[in-house]
Amino acid sequence: MPNALLFRLSATLFFALCAGLLLAPGLFGAIFGLDPSTGADVMARRAGLLFAPLGLLYLQLADMDHPKVQRALLSAGVVFLITIAMLGLTEWALGRVGPGILVAVITEIVFAALYLKALRHA
């Protein structure tokens, strides 16, 4: 998969997560098996905002052919996706979230694998 396509797919995912967490934080809580609370909604919305600049960076730099930029985006993506997947698995193992977290974890692992593959060829 070309890096530009991977970056655009990532940007789309990040923008969707931003919108979802801002507009329907309770949906994510329900999927992950969390009890509804004002605090959880507030933190979900704040976390959602973090995805907007990520999406913007990946979208705007998707066509940049500079090798250092490509490697930086790929490396950052690998670190982000692997650590967020590990966090999801940790929270599930500790019983803090339900099996719905695996939807996110599987998506993160798939994207991390794509990023690792691209990084090996960069």
Protein backbone atom coordinates (compact mmCIF):
# COMPACT_ATOMS: atom_id res chain seq x y z
CA MET A 1 0.00 0.00 0.00
CA PRO A 2 1.43 3.39 -0.92
CA ASN A 3 2.31 5.57 2.05
CA ALA A 4 0.09 8.39 0.79
CA LEU A 5 -2.94 6.10 0.84
CA LEU A 6 -2.06 4.79 4.30
CA PHE A 7 -1.72 8.35 5.59
CA ARG A 8 -5.06 9.38 4.04
CA LEU A 9 -6.78 6.33 5.56
CA SER A 10 -5.24 7.21 8.91
CA ALA A 11 -6.40 10.81 8.61
CA THR A 12 -9.92 9.61 7.81
CA LEU A 13 -9.88 7.32 10.85
CA PHE A 14 -8.55 10.11 13.09
CA PHE A 15 -11.18 12.60 11.89
CA ALA A 16 -13.93 10.00 12.39
CA LEU A 17 -12.71 9.28 15.92
CA CYS A 18 -12.57 13.00 16.67
CA ALA A 19 -16.15 13.50 15.46
CA GLY A 20 -17.43 10.39 17.21
CA LEU A 21 -15.83 11.20 20.54
CA LEU A 22 -17.03 14.79 20.39
CA LEU A 23 -20.57 14.11 19.23
CA ALA A 24 -21.34 10.73 20.79
CA PRO A 25 -18.95 10.00 23.66
CA GLY A 26 -21.53 7.77 25.31
CA LEU A 27 -21.51 5.45 22.31
CA PHE A 28 -17.82 4.73 22.82
CA GLY A 29 -18.44 4.17 26.51
CA ALA A 30 -21.23 1.72 25.72
CA ILE A 31 -19.11 -0.16 23.17
CA PHE A 32 -16.23 -0.40 25.64
CA GLY A 33 -18.52 -1.45 28.48
CA LEU A 34 -18.04 1.65 30.61
CA ASP A 35 -20.64 3.00 33.00
CA PRO A 36 -22.06 6.31 31.76
CA SER A 37 -20.83 9.37 33.62
CA THR A 38 -20.29 13.05 33.07
CA GLY A 39 -16.57 12.62 33.75
CA ALA A 40 -16.22 9.92 31.12
CA ASP A 41 -18.03 12.09 28.55
CA VAL A 42 -15.83 15.09 29.34
CA MET A 43 -12.63 13.04 29.01
CA ALA A 44 -13.85 11.34 25.82
CA ARG A 45 -14.51 14.73 24.24
CA ARG A 46 -11.11 16.03 25.31
CA ALA A 47 -9.44 12.90 23.93
CA GLY A 48 -11.43 13.28 20.73
CA LEU A 49 -9.93 16.70 20.13
CA LEU A 50 -6.45 15.13 20.10
CA PHE A 51 -7.36 13.22 16.94
CA ALA A 52 -8.10 16.40 14.94
CA PRO A 53 -4.50 17.66 14.69
CA LEU A 54 -3.26 14.11 14.01
CA GLY A 55 -5.70 13.80 11.15
CA LEU A 56 -4.68 17.19 9.82
CA LEU A 57 -0.96 16.35 9.94
CA TYR A 58 -1.39 13.02 8.18
CA LEU A 59 -3.73 14.49 5.56
CA GLN A 60 -1.57 17.50 4.76
CA LEU A 61 1.67 15.51 4.65
CA ALA A 62 0.29 12.48 2.79
CA ASP A 63 1.74 13.54 -0.56
CA MET A 64 5.09 14.69 0.82
CA ASP A 65 7.76 12.53 -0.81
CA HIS A 66 10.58 13.63 1.47
CA PRO A 67 12.07 10.44 3.01
CA LYS A 68 12.59 11.99 6.46
CA VAL A 69 8.97 13.19 6.60
CA GLN A 70 7.73 9.76 5.48
CA ARG A 71 9.83 7.96 8.13
CA ALA A 72 8.75 10.42 10.84
CA LEU A 73 5.05 9.90 10.06
CA LEU A 74 5.49 6.13 9.86
CA SER A 75 7.49 5.96 13.09
CA ALA A 76 5.04 8.18 14.96
CA GLY A 77 2.15 6.09 13.65
CA VAL A 78 3.77 2.84 14.79
CA VAL A 79 4.42 4.17 18.29
CA PHE A 80 0.95 5.66 18.61
CA LEU A 81 -0.93 2.63 17.30
CA ILE A 82 1.03 0.00 19.22
CA THR A 83 0.87 1.88 22.51
CA ILE A 84 -2.85 2.65 22.23
CA ALA A 85 -3.53 -1.02 21.39
CA MET A 86 -1.44 -2.11 24.38
CA LEU A 87 -3.34 0.30 26.62
CA GLY A 88 -6.65 -1.11 25.41
CA LEU A 89 -5.49 -4.68 26.08
CA THR A 90 -4.21 -3.67 29.52
CA GLU A 91 -7.51 -2.04 30.47
CA TRP A 92 -9.37 -5.14 29.25
CA ALA A 93 -7.04 -7.49 31.19
CA LEU A 94 -7.64 -5.41 34.33
CA GLY A 95 -11.39 -5.67 33.82
CA ARG A 96 -11.89 -1.93 33.39
CA VAL A 97 -13.42 -2.26 29.92
CA GLY A 98 -15.45 -4.93 28.20
CA PRO A 99 -14.64 -6.99 25.12
CA GLY A 100 -15.91 -4.18 22.88
CA ILE A 101 -12.46 -2.63 23.29
CA LEU A 102 -11.23 -5.34 20.93
CA VAL A 103 -12.90 -3.51 18.03
CA ALA A 104 -10.51 -0.63 18.63
CA VAL A 105 -7.53 -2.86 19.42
CA ILE A 106 -7.92 -4.93 16.25
CA THR A 107 -8.18 -1.77 14.14
CA GLU A 108 -5.08 -0.36 15.83
CA ILE A 109 -3.12 -3.58 15.30
CA VAL A 110 -4.08 -3.73 11.61
CA PHE A 111 -2.96 -0.14 11.09
CA ALA A 112 0.22 -0.72 13.13
CA ALA A 113 1.08 -3.71 10.92
CA LEU A 114 0.55 -1.60 7.81
CA TYR A 115 2.77 1.11 9.26
CA LEU A 116 5.50 -1.39 10.21
CA LYS A 117 5.43 -2.88 6.73
CA ALA A 118 5.72 0.57 5.16
CA LEU A 119 8.49 1.54 7.60
CA ARG A 120 10.56 -1.48 6.59
CA HIS A 121 10.37 -0.36 2.97
CA ALA A 122 10.99 3.33 3.67
